[in-house]
Amino acid sequence: MRMKIVTLVFGVLLFPLMLEAQTERTITLPEAIALARTQSVDAAVALNELKTAYWEYRTFRADLLPEVNLIGTLPNYKKSYSAYQQSDGSYTYVRNNTLGLSGELSVDQNIWLTGGKLSLTSSLDYIKQLGAGGEKQFMSVPVGVELTQPIFGVNNLKWNRRIEPVRYAEAKAAFITATEEVTMKTITHFFELLLAKETLGTAQQNLQNADHLYEVAGAKRKMGQISENELLQLKLTALKAKASVTDAESNLNAKMFQLRAFLGLPEEQALQPIVPKSVPDVQIEYNMVLNKSLERNSFAQNIRRRQLEADYAVATAKGNLRSINLFASVGYTGLNNTLSSAYRDLLDNNIVQVGVKVPILDWGKRRGKVKVAQSNREVIASKIRQEQISFNQDIFLLVEHFNNQAAQLTIADEADFIAQKRYKTSIETFLIGKINTLDLNDAQTAKDEARQKHISELYYYWYYFYQIRSLTLWDFKNNAELGVDFDDVVRK
């Protein structure tokens, strides 16, 4: 108990110092949006997802370019025994004691048109028998051409060449959408803090008015102009107003902490949000929003990618029905005890192999996989049709909400002005005894609700505006597309 008292006293003494340590900073909605797009965790996540997609796309592009490889074994030492069959059929064990070196340089090129691989190689092998009388020998392949080609299998490179650009386009559109969604979160946190600030200001003003009215009512009670019940009612109103100030202060601190944390600002900054003075005067048409969304939104690219992947799965299943692979190697080779001689008097070194794997009896397993892939493709097509219907419906409702919001905001602005004026008039009327406390409380409640309604309608206007931007990737205020220099972004 004593420790709790000490802690409480210590906190009371430090609280004024903590308030003095805080620096006050006014912040507008555009400033908060700019900070969120550069400093928030959500923006960092969106950037890293874009970088991942970028390097995946770069990796795919690299698969289409020539690749130079060096393979070597330096050295290969063996000292062991192995079984050897003699001419009479008997076996004996012989000792191996050799040192070998090998190296191969190859230039490999994937052929996306056929799905094969073409390689230009040059290799050199060296082996030396260790011990007394050991010999050495070099074997060279100065130049060789190798071709590996599946005959009936699926062409993975060709399919990737169709799918990967769509996947990257989807990722780029998703990045811009994610940036706009960061803005929407910023708007939510900003207006929550703004509403908390307005609520606190209203609560403080109500408390001041309630205290003043209670003092006036006390004087009237002494003169017998009001009843004891009305005086107690005003006292109760003053107590409620005091409790409302405490709750509003706590809520303000919580909302300020959330916005600061989201924007990545230090805790010693006390933010003072500024109410936006104006909103864009735009009217948005449903058909335009729908066309821009289907043209630029990641949803359109997502549909295209899923359709291609479903077709790819069917092609893969059909390709696995049989497997025939061609391998051909053409070149020259040389053998000699010296390195220079190994490159003279070259001999032909040609290899042709055709591997075949055709199932004779698999109980319909491979054809079953083809049917499964085809059924999955139909399921995906059905889901896509349903998603397109829902997407169009959501856009229609969103456009209706936005276009209606401008009128709602105008009404809320006027209602706020009238409610403030009515409350001021009600106070003056109460002081001269023309209305009772119930009418005064009703005017106060209407004033508080009208102010909160105005802030809420302003929030919904900006939220709907940026939600439409996130779907269309279009700036309706400046009538321009939302573009990003992706090469510059991924290098940050």
Protein backbone atom coordinates (compact mmCIF):
# COMPACT_ATOMS: atom_id res chain seq x y z
CA MET A 1 0.00 0.00 0.00
CA ARG A 2 2.82 2.38 0.91
CA MET A 3 4.57 1.61 -2.39
CA LYS A 4 1.40 2.43 -4.34
CA ILE A 5 1.11 5.80 -2.57
CA VAL A 6 4.76 6.62 -3.33
CA THR A 7 4.28 5.67 -6.97
CA LEU A 8 1.14 7.80 -7.22
CA VAL A 9 2.85 10.84 -5.67
CA PHE A 10 5.88 10.34 -7.94
CA GLY A 11 3.63 10.16 -11.01
CA VAL A 12 1.74 13.30 -10.01
CA LEU A 13 5.01 15.20 -9.60
CA LEU A 14 6.39 14.01 -12.96
CA PHE A 15 3.20 14.55 -15.00
CA PRO A 16 3.72 18.32 -15.46
CA LEU A 17 7.33 17.68 -16.50
CA MET A 18 6.17 15.13 -19.07
CA LEU A 19 3.71 17.62 -20.50
CA GLU A 20 6.45 20.24 -20.76
CA ALA A 21 8.74 17.73 -22.52
CA GLN A 22 6.19 17.20 -25.29
CA THR A 23 6.47 19.39 -28.36
CA GLU A 24 3.25 20.41 -30.06
CA ARG A 25 2.98 19.87 -33.81
CA THR A 26 0.11 20.86 -36.05
CA ILE A 27 -0.54 18.40 -38.86
CA THR A 28 -2.80 18.57 -41.88
CA LEU A 29 -4.34 15.65 -43.72
CA PRO A 30 -1.98 15.95 -46.75
CA GLU A 31 1.03 16.04 -44.40
CA ALA A 32 -0.16 12.92 -42.58
CA ILE A 33 -0.68 11.11 -45.89
CA ALA A 34 2.80 12.05 -47.11
CA LEU A 35 4.39 10.79 -43.86
CA ALA A 36 2.43 7.53 -43.96
CA ARG A 37 3.52 6.78 -47.52
CA THR A 38 7.19 7.06 -46.58
CA GLN A 39 7.45 6.09 -42.90
CA SER A 40 4.62 3.71 -42.02
CA VAL A 41 5.11 -0.02 -41.58
CA ASP A 42 2.33 -0.71 -44.09
CA ALA A 43 4.19 1.29 -46.75
CA ALA A 44 7.38 -0.68 -46.02
CA VAL A 45 5.50 -3.98 -46.36
CA ALA A 46 4.04 -2.89 -49.71
CA LEU A 47 7.50 -1.87 -50.93
CA ASN A 48 9.07 -5.18 -49.93
CA GLU A 49 6.28 -7.13 -51.65
CA LEU A 50 6.95 -5.11 -54.81
CA LYS A 51 10.68 -5.83 -54.55
CA THR A 52 9.98 -9.55 -54.19
CA ALA A 53 7.81 -9.51 -57.32
CA TYR A 54 10.43 -7.44 -59.17
CA TRP A 55 13.25 -9.88 -58.49
CA GLU A 56 11.05 -12.86 -59.31
CA TYR A 57 10.35 -11.22 -62.66
CA ARG A 58 14.04 -10.47 -63.16
CA THR A 59 14.82 -14.12 -62.43
CA PHE A 60 12.30 -15.20 -65.07
CA ARG A 61 13.83 -12.81 -67.60
CA ALA A 62 17.28 -14.21 -66.82
CA ASP A 63 16.07 -17.71 -67.72
CA LEU A 64 15.60 -16.49 -71.30
CA LEU A 65 19.18 -15.20 -71.60
CA PRO A 66 22.41 -17.17 -72.21
CA GLU A 67 24.08 -18.51 -69.08
CA VAL A 68 27.82 -19.16 -68.74
CA ASN A 69 28.84 -21.90 -66.31
CA LEU A 70 32.16 -23.30 -65.17
CA ILE A 71 32.16 -26.77 -63.63
CA GLY A 72 35.35 -28.21 -62.18
CA THR A 73 36.74 -30.87 -59.90
CA LEU A 74 40.03 -29.73 -58.38
CA PRO A 75 41.31 -32.29 -57.48
CA ASN A 76 39.80 -35.80 -57.49
CA TYR A 77 42.05 -38.08 -55.48
CA LYS A 78 41.29 -41.81 -55.13
CA LYS A 79 43.11 -44.48 -53.18
CA SER A 80 40.79 -47.46 -52.86
CA TYR A 81 40.08 -51.04 -53.89
CA SER A 82 37.38 -52.19 -56.29
CA ALA A 83 36.21 -55.51 -57.70
CA TYR A 84 37.57 -56.53 -61.13
CA GLN A 85 36.44 -59.50 -63.23
CA GLN A 86 39.27 -61.36 -64.97
CA SER A 87 39.13 -63.12 -68.33
CA ASP A 88 38.44 -66.53 -66.76
CA GLY A 89 35.36 -65.13 -65.00
CA SER A 90 36.90 -64.94 -61.54
CA TYR A 91 36.99 -61.75 -59.52
CA THR A 92 39.85 -60.04 -57.81
CA TYR A 93 40.38 -56.71 -56.13
CA VAL A 94 42.59 -54.09 -57.69
CA ARG A 95 44.01 -51.01 -56.15
CA ASN A 96 43.17 -47.56 -57.47
CA ASN A 97 45.63 -44.79 -56.72
CA THR A 98 44.88 -41.87 -59.02
CA LEU A 99 44.75 -38.10 -59.11
CA GLY A 100 42.31 -36.48 -61.47
CA LEU A 101 41.41 -32.95 -62.53
CA SER A 102 38.46 -31.90 -64.70
CA GLY A 103 36.88 -28.73 -65.91
CA GLU A 104 34.07 -27.73 -68.27
CA LEU A 105 33.04 -24.35 -69.60
CA SER A 106 29.56 -24.14 -71.09
CA VAL A 107 27.31 -21.50 -72.56
CA ASP A 108 23.67 -22.57 -72.06
CA GLN A 109 20.64 -21.10 -73.76
CA ASN A 110 17.03 -22.05 -73.03
CA ILE A 111 14.87 -22.20 -76.15
CA TRP A 112 11.48 -20.82 -75.06
CA LEU A 113 9.85 -21.62 -78.41
CA THR A 114 10.40 -25.40 -78.04
CA GLY A 115 11.20 -25.75 -74.34
CA GLY A 116 14.60 -27.26 -75.07
CA LYS A 117 18.11 -26.31 -74.04
CA LEU A 118 21.14 -25.71 -76.28
CA SER A 119 24.67 -25.77 -74.85
CA LEU A 120 28.06 -24.98 -76.30
CA THR A 121 30.73 -26.77 -74.22
CA SER A 122 34.47 -27.12 -73.95
CA SER A 123 36.07 -29.49 -71.43
CA LEU A 124 39.41 -30.87 -70.32
CA ASP A 125 40.10 -33.92 -68.14
CA TYR A 126 43.40 -35.06 -66.65
CA ILE A 127 44.19 -38.32 -64.84
CA LYS A 128 47.46 -39.56 -63.36
CA GLN A 129 48.18 -42.91 -61.82
CA LEU A 130 50.25 -42.41 -58.68
CA GLY A 131 53.08 -44.63 -57.62
CA ALA A 132 56.01 -46.17 -59.54
CA GLY A 133 55.51 -46.25 -63.31
CA GLY A 134 52.32 -44.25 -63.12
CA GLU A 135 51.10 -42.70 -66.34
CA LYS A 136 49.20 -39.54 -67.05
CA GLN A 137 46.74 -38.73 -69.78
CA PHE A 138 44.75 -35.74 -71.03
CA MET A 139 41.37 -35.88 -72.72
CA SER A 140 40.03 -32.73 -74.36
CA VAL A 141 36.73 -31.77 -75.94
CA PRO A 142 37.65 -28.46 -77.59
CA VAL A 143 34.13 -27.80 -78.76
CA GLY A 144 30.85 -29.60 -78.39
CA VAL A 145 27.20 -28.80 -79.02
CA GLU A 146 24.49 -30.38 -76.90
CA LEU A 147 20.74 -30.28 -77.34
CA THR A 148 18.18 -31.43 -74.79
CA GLN A 149 14.61 -31.36 -76.05
CA PRO A 150 11.34 -32.74 -74.62
CA ILE A 151 9.12 -33.92 -77.48
CA PHE A 152 5.58 -34.08 -76.06
CA GLY A 153 5.99 -32.61 -72.57
CA VAL A 154 4.69 -29.21 -71.50
CA ASN A 155 6.82 -26.23 -72.52
CA ASN A 156 7.39 -24.58 -69.13
CA LEU A 157 9.34 -21.66 -70.57
CA LYS A 158 6.61 -20.80 -73.04
CA TRP A 159 3.96 -20.81 -70.33
CA ASN A 160 6.14 -18.78 -67.96
CA ARG A 161 6.68 -16.28 -70.75
CA ARG A 162 2.91 -15.76 -70.81
CA ILE A 163 2.26 -15.88 -67.05
CA GLU A 164 5.17 -13.99 -65.45
CA PRO A 165 4.62 -10.61 -67.19
CA VAL A 166 0.98 -10.73 -66.07
CA ARG A 167 2.07 -11.63 -62.52
CA TYR A 168 4.48 -8.68 -62.43
CA ALA A 169 1.84 -6.31 -63.84
CA GLU A 170 -0.47 -7.53 -61.08
CA ALA A 171 2.20 -6.82 -58.46
CA LYS A 172 2.80 -3.30 -59.77
CA ALA A 173 -0.91 -2.50 -59.71
CA ALA A 174 -1.19 -4.05 -56.23
CA PHE A 175 1.64 -1.78 -55.01
CA ILE A 176 -0.18 1.37 -56.11
CA THR A 177 -3.39 0.03 -54.56
CA ALA A 178 -1.53 -0.74 -51.32
CA THR A 179 -0.19 2.83 -51.29
CA GLU A 180 -3.73 4.16 -51.58
CA GLU A 181 -4.84 1.78 -48.81
CA VAL A 182 -2.11 3.26 -46.61
CA THR A 183 -3.71 6.62 -47.32
CA MET A 184 -7.12 5.26 -46.32
CA LYS A 185 -5.73 4.00 -43.00
CA THR A 186 -4.11 7.39 -42.46
CA ILE A 187 -7.47 9.10 -43.08
CA THR A 188 -9.11 6.80 -40.52
CA HIS A 189 -6.50 7.48 -37.82
CA PHE A 190 -6.40 11.21 -38.64
CA PHE A 191 -10.15 11.72 -38.37
CA GLU A 192 -10.37 9.56 -35.25
CA LEU A 193 -7.86 11.91 -33.63
CA LEU A 194 -9.66 14.93 -35.06
CA LEU A 195 -12.99 13.69 -33.71
CA ALA A 196 -11.39 13.00 -30.31
CA LYS A 197 -9.96 16.52 -30.29
CA GLU A 198 -13.34 18.04 -31.18
CA THR A 199 -15.04 15.87 -28.56
CA LEU A 200 -12.60 17.07 -25.90
CA GLY A 201 -13.08 20.70 -26.94
CA THR A 202 -16.83 20.26 -26.83
CA ALA A 203 -16.65 18.54 -23.43
CA GLN A 204 -14.49 21.34 -22.00
CA GLN A 205 -16.83 23.98 -23.36
CA ASN A 206 -19.85 22.11 -21.99
CA LEU A 207 -18.18 21.88 -18.59
CA GLN A 208 -17.46 25.60 -18.59
CA ASN A 209 -21.03 26.38 -19.57
CA ALA A 210 -22.44 23.91 -17.03
CA ASP A 211 -20.40 25.45 -14.19
CA HIS A 212 -21.47 28.94 -15.20
CA LEU A 213 -25.14 27.95 -15.46
CA TYR A 214 -24.98 26.23 -12.09
CA GLU A 215 -23.62 29.39 -10.49
CA VAL A 216 -26.38 31.48 -12.09
CA ALA A 217 -28.99 28.90 -11.08
CA GLY A 218 -27.73 29.03 -7.49
CA ALA A 219 -28.37 32.76 -7.41
CA LYS A 220 -31.82 32.29 -8.96
CA ARG A 221 -32.64 29.62 -6.41
CA LYS A 222 -31.92 32.02 -3.60
CA MET A 223 -34.33 34.45 -5.19
CA GLY A 224 -36.94 31.72 -5.64
CA GLN A 225 -36.98 31.94 -9.43
CA ILE A 226 -36.26 28.22 -10.01
CA SER A 227 -37.03 25.07 -8.10
CA GLU A 228 -34.63 22.91 -6.10
CA ASN A 229 -35.11 20.12 -8.67
CA GLU A 230 -33.87 22.31 -11.52
CA LEU A 231 -30.84 23.37 -9.46
CA LEU A 232 -29.96 19.75 -8.75
CA GLN A 233 -30.44 18.90 -12.41
CA LEU A 234 -27.89 21.56 -13.35
CA LYS A 235 -25.49 20.25 -10.72
CA LEU A 236 -25.84 16.76 -12.16
CA THR A 237 -25.21 18.15 -15.65
CA ALA A 238 -22.00 19.81 -14.42
CA LEU A 239 -20.79 16.52 -12.89
CA LYS A 240 -21.53 14.64 -16.10
CA ALA A 241 -19.69 17.30 -18.07
CA LYS A 242 -16.65 16.89 -15.81
CA ALA A 243 -16.70 13.10 -16.32
CA SER A 244 -17.02 13.62 -20.07
CA VAL A 245 -13.85 15.76 -20.08
CA THR A 246 -11.90 12.99 -18.34
CA ASP A 247 -13.12 10.36 -20.81
CA ALA A 248 -12.41 12.66 -23.76
CA GLU A 249 -8.85 13.30 -22.58
CA SER A 250 -8.17 9.58 -22.28
CA ASN A 251 -9.64 8.89 -25.72
CA LEU A 252 -7.62 11.75 -27.25
CA ASN A 253 -4.35 10.33 -25.88
CA ALA A 254 -5.20 6.87 -27.25
CA LYS A 255 -6.03 8.16 -30.73
CA MET A 256 -2.95 10.37 -30.78
CA PHE A 257 -0.76 7.39 -29.86
CA GLN A 258 -2.28 5.34 -32.70
CA LEU A 259 -1.66 8.05 -35.31
CA ARG A 260 1.88 8.71 -34.08
CA ALA A 261 2.72 5.01 -34.16
CA PHE A 262 1.27 4.61 -37.65
CA LEU A 263 3.19 7.61 -39.01
CA GLY A 264 6.41 6.62 -37.24
CA LEU A 265 6.61 9.86 -35.22
CA PRO A 266 8.28 10.18 -31.79
CA GLU A 267 6.10 9.96 -28.69
CA GLU A 268 7.15 13.37 -27.40
CA GLN A 269 5.23 15.09 -30.20
CA ALA A 270 1.69 16.19 -29.35
CA LEU A 271 -0.22 16.26 -32.64
CA GLN A 272 -2.81 18.91 -33.34
CA PRO A 273 -4.84 17.84 -36.42
CA ILE A 274 -6.27 20.57 -38.63
CA VAL A 275 -9.79 20.18 -40.01
CA PRO A 276 -9.65 20.10 -43.85
CA LYS A 277 -11.16 23.34 -45.10
CA SER A 278 -12.38 22.03 -48.44
CA VAL A 279 -12.98 18.86 -50.43
CA PRO A 280 -12.50 18.18 -54.16
CA ASP A 281 -15.50 19.26 -56.19
CA VAL A 282 -15.81 16.19 -58.41
CA GLN A 283 -18.68 14.06 -59.68
CA ILE A 284 -17.76 10.50 -60.59
CA GLU A 285 -19.58 8.28 -63.10
CA TYR A 286 -20.00 4.56 -62.52
CA ASN A 287 -19.07 3.51 -66.07
CA MET A 288 -15.82 5.46 -65.94
CA VAL A 289 -14.87 3.98 -62.57
CA LEU A 290 -15.71 0.47 -63.76
CA ASN A 291 -13.71 0.82 -66.98
CA LYS A 292 -10.69 2.26 -65.17
CA SER A 293 -10.87 -0.49 -62.56
CA LEU A 294 -11.04 -3.29 -65.12
CA GLU A 295 -8.22 -1.67 -67.08
CA ARG A 296 -5.76 -0.78 -64.29
CA ASN A 297 -6.70 -2.57 -61.06
CA SER A 298 -4.70 -5.61 -59.97
CA PHE A 299 -8.00 -7.53 -59.91
CA ALA A 300 -8.05 -7.63 -63.73
CA GLN A 301 -4.46 -8.91 -63.85
CA ASN A 302 -5.25 -11.40 -61.11
CA ILE A 303 -8.10 -12.85 -63.18
CA ARG A 304 -5.90 -13.15 -66.25
CA ARG A 305 -3.09 -14.82 -64.27
CA ARG A 306 -5.41 -17.36 -62.66
CA GLN A 307 -6.90 -18.26 -66.04
CA LEU A 308 -3.43 -18.79 -67.50
CA GLU A 309 -2.33 -20.86 -64.50
CA ALA A 310 -5.41 -23.06 -64.84
CA ASP A 311 -4.64 -23.60 -68.54
CA TYR A 312 -1.02 -24.32 -67.63
CA ALA A 313 -2.11 -26.99 -65.13
CA VAL A 314 -4.22 -28.69 -67.83
CA ALA A 315 -1.33 -28.55 -70.32
CA THR A 316 1.03 -30.05 -67.71
CA ALA A 317 -1.35 -32.91 -66.97
CA LYS A 318 -1.74 -33.66 -70.69
CA GLY A 319 2.03 -33.50 -71.20
CA ASN A 320 2.53 -36.10 -68.49
CA LEU A 321 0.46 -38.65 -70.42
CA ARG A 322 3.66 -39.65 -72.20
CA SER A 323 7.27 -38.55 -72.03
CA ILE A 324 9.80 -38.54 -74.89
CA ASN A 325 13.10 -36.70 -74.48
CA LEU A 326 15.79 -36.13 -77.11
CA PHE A 327 19.45 -35.65 -76.23
CA ALA A 328 22.05 -35.02 -78.93
CA SER A 329 25.71 -34.14 -78.55
CA VAL A 330 28.07 -33.37 -81.45
CA GLY A 331 31.74 -32.50 -81.07
CA TYR A 332 35.36 -33.61 -81.19
CA THR A 333 37.67 -35.15 -78.62
CA GLY A 334 41.37 -35.73 -78.26
CA LEU A 335 43.49 -38.11 -76.13
CA ASN A 336 47.24 -37.88 -75.40
CA ASN A 337 49.84 -37.91 -72.70
CA THR A 338 50.63 -34.22 -73.16
CA LEU A 339 48.33 -31.24 -72.98
CA SER A 340 49.21 -29.75 -76.36
CA SER A 341 48.91 -33.07 -78.17
CA ALA A 342 45.45 -33.64 -76.66
CA TYR A 343 44.17 -30.90 -78.97
CA ARG A 344 45.57 -32.52 -82.14
CA ASP A 345 44.30 -35.36 -84.25
CA LEU A 346 40.81 -34.92 -82.91
CA LEU A 347 38.24 -37.68 -83.19
CA ASP A 348 34.47 -37.58 -83.61
CA ASN A 349 32.46 -37.56 -80.39
CA ASN A 350 28.76 -37.84 -81.25
CA ILE A 351 25.91 -39.01 -79.03
CA VAL A 352 22.21 -39.27 -79.80
CA GLN A 353 19.75 -40.53 -77.19
CA VAL A 354 15.97 -40.73 -77.33
CA GLY A 355 14.31 -41.61 -74.05
CA VAL A 356 10.72 -42.83 -74.10
CA LYS A 357 8.32 -43.29 -71.22
CA VAL A 358 4.82 -44.30 -72.26
CA PRO A 359 2.48 -45.87 -69.68
CA ILE A 360 1.03 -49.17 -70.82
CA LEU A 361 -1.23 -49.73 -67.84
CA ASP A 362 -1.70 -47.06 -65.13
CA TRP A 363 -5.41 -47.65 -64.43
CA GLY A 364 -6.34 -44.24 -65.79
CA LYS A 365 -4.21 -42.35 -63.27
CA ARG A 366 -2.72 -39.84 -65.73
CA ARG A 367 -5.99 -39.26 -67.56
CA GLY A 368 -7.65 -38.79 -64.18
CA LYS A 369 -5.17 -36.02 -63.43
CA VAL A 370 -6.10 -34.38 -66.73
CA LYS A 371 -9.79 -34.51 -65.76
CA VAL A 372 -8.98 -33.04 -62.33
CA ALA A 373 -7.03 -30.17 -63.92
CA GLN A 374 -9.88 -29.49 -66.36
CA SER A 375 -12.45 -29.53 -63.54
CA ASN A 376 -10.31 -27.14 -61.49
CA ARG A 377 -10.15 -24.84 -64.50
CA GLU A 378 -13.95 -24.81 -64.69
CA VAL A 379 -14.19 -24.12 -60.95
CA ILE A 380 -11.79 -21.21 -61.29
CA ALA A 381 -13.76 -19.85 -64.26
CA SER A 382 -16.98 -19.99 -62.19
CA LYS A 383 -15.33 -18.26 -59.23
CA ILE A 384 -13.96 -15.56 -61.52
CA ARG A 385 -17.41 -14.88 -62.97
CA GLN A 386 -18.85 -14.53 -59.46
CA GLU A 387 -15.98 -12.30 -58.35
CA GLN A 388 -16.50 -10.06 -61.38
CA ILE A 389 -20.18 -9.66 -60.52
CA SER A 390 -19.34 -8.80 -56.90
CA PHE A 391 -16.57 -6.45 -58.05
CA ASN A 392 -18.93 -4.56 -60.35
CA GLN A 393 -21.58 -4.38 -57.63
CA ASP A 394 -19.12 -3.07 -55.03
CA ILE A 395 -17.96 -0.37 -57.43
CA PHE A 396 -21.54 0.67 -58.16
CA LEU A 397 -22.36 0.99 -54.46
CA LEU A 398 -19.10 2.83 -53.76
CA VAL A 399 -19.76 5.40 -56.50
CA GLU A 400 -23.31 5.90 -55.20
CA HIS A 401 -21.99 6.43 -51.66
CA PHE A 402 -19.39 8.94 -52.82
CA ASN A 403 -21.72 10.99 -55.00
CA ASN A 404 -24.25 11.04 -52.15
CA GLN A 405 -21.59 11.99 -49.62
CA ALA A 406 -21.10 15.48 -51.04
CA ALA A 407 -24.75 16.28 -50.30
CA GLN A 408 -24.51 14.67 -46.86
CA LEU A 409 -21.45 16.77 -46.06
CA THR A 410 -23.22 19.99 -47.07
CA ILE A 411 -26.23 19.10 -44.90
CA ALA A 412 -24.01 18.18 -41.94
CA ASP A 413 -22.07 21.45 -42.28
CA GLU A 414 -25.26 23.49 -42.21
CA ALA A 415 -26.73 21.44 -39.36
CA ASP A 416 -23.57 21.99 -37.32
CA PHE A 417 -23.82 25.75 -37.80
CA ILE A 418 -27.50 25.81 -36.86
CA ALA A 419 -27.04 23.59 -33.80
CA GLN A 420 -24.21 25.79 -32.51
CA LYS A 421 -26.34 28.88 -32.96
CA ARG A 422 -29.36 27.22 -31.33
CA TYR A 423 -27.31 26.20 -28.27
CA LYS A 424 -25.97 29.71 -27.85
CA THR A 425 -29.50 31.09 -28.08
CA SER A 426 -30.77 28.47 -25.60
CA ILE A 427 -28.20 29.53 -23.01
CA GLU A 428 -29.24 33.18 -23.36
CA THR A 429 -32.91 32.20 -23.15
CA PHE A 430 -32.32 30.04 -20.07
CA LEU A 431 -30.56 32.90 -18.30
CA ILE A 432 -33.67 35.04 -18.63
CA GLY A 433 -35.89 32.16 -17.49
CA LYS A 434 -37.76 31.50 -20.73
CA ILE A 435 -36.83 27.76 -21.03
CA ASN A 436 -36.16 24.99 -18.54
CA THR A 437 -33.12 22.69 -18.10
CA LEU A 438 -34.59 19.93 -20.25
CA ASP A 439 -34.76 22.23 -23.28
CA LEU A 440 -31.23 23.44 -22.56
CA ASN A 441 -29.88 19.88 -22.32
CA ASP A 442 -31.63 18.98 -25.56
CA ALA A 443 -29.96 21.91 -27.34
CA GLN A 444 -26.57 20.86 -25.97
CA THR A 445 -27.04 17.25 -27.07
CA ALA A 446 -28.11 18.38 -30.55
CA LYS A 447 -25.07 20.66 -30.76
CA ASP A 448 -22.63 17.87 -29.80
CA GLU A 449 -24.20 15.36 -32.19
CA ALA A 450 -24.21 17.84 -35.06
CA ARG A 451 -20.50 18.56 -34.59
CA GLN A 452 -19.61 14.86 -34.50
CA LYS A 453 -21.82 14.26 -37.53
CA HIS A 454 -19.98 16.94 -39.48
CA ILE A 455 -16.58 15.39 -38.72
CA SER A 456 -17.88 11.91 -39.57
CA GLU A 457 -19.33 13.00 -42.91
CA LEU A 458 -16.06 14.74 -43.76
CA TYR A 459 -14.21 11.50 -42.96
CA TYR A 460 -16.46 9.37 -45.15
CA TYR A 461 -16.05 11.77 -48.06
CA TRP A 462 -12.24 11.50 -48.02
CA TYR A 463 -12.35 7.76 -47.34
CA TYR A 464 -14.65 7.06 -50.29
CA PHE A 465 -12.59 9.36 -52.51
CA TYR A 466 -9.35 7.46 -51.87
CA GLN A 467 -11.09 4.10 -51.96
CA ILE A 468 -12.18 4.85 -55.52
CA ARG A 469 -8.61 5.94 -56.32
CA SER A 470 -7.30 2.63 -54.95
CA LEU A 471 -9.64 0.68 -57.26
CA THR A 472 -9.12 2.72 -60.42
CA LEU A 473 -5.51 3.86 -59.87
CA TRP A 474 -6.75 7.18 -61.21
CA ASP A 475 -6.56 10.68 -59.74
CA PHE A 476 -10.03 12.16 -60.36
CA LYS A 477 -9.02 15.53 -58.93
CA ASN A 478 -6.29 16.09 -61.54
CA ASN A 479 -7.77 13.69 -64.12
CA ALA A 480 -4.51 11.72 -64.43
CA GLU A 481 -3.36 8.17 -63.83
CA LEU A 482 -1.52 7.24 -60.64
CA GLY A 483 1.90 6.32 -61.99
CA VAL A 484 5.05 5.17 -60.23
CA ASP A 485 8.64 4.85 -61.47
CA PHE A 486 8.95 1.22 -60.39
CA ASP A 487 12.63 0.88 -61.32
CA ASP A 488 13.43 3.82 -59.06
CA VAL A 489 11.20 2.51 -56.26
CA VAL A 490 12.76 -0.98 -56.09
CA ARG A 491 16.27 0.48 -55.90
CA LYS A 492 15.53 2.37 -52.68
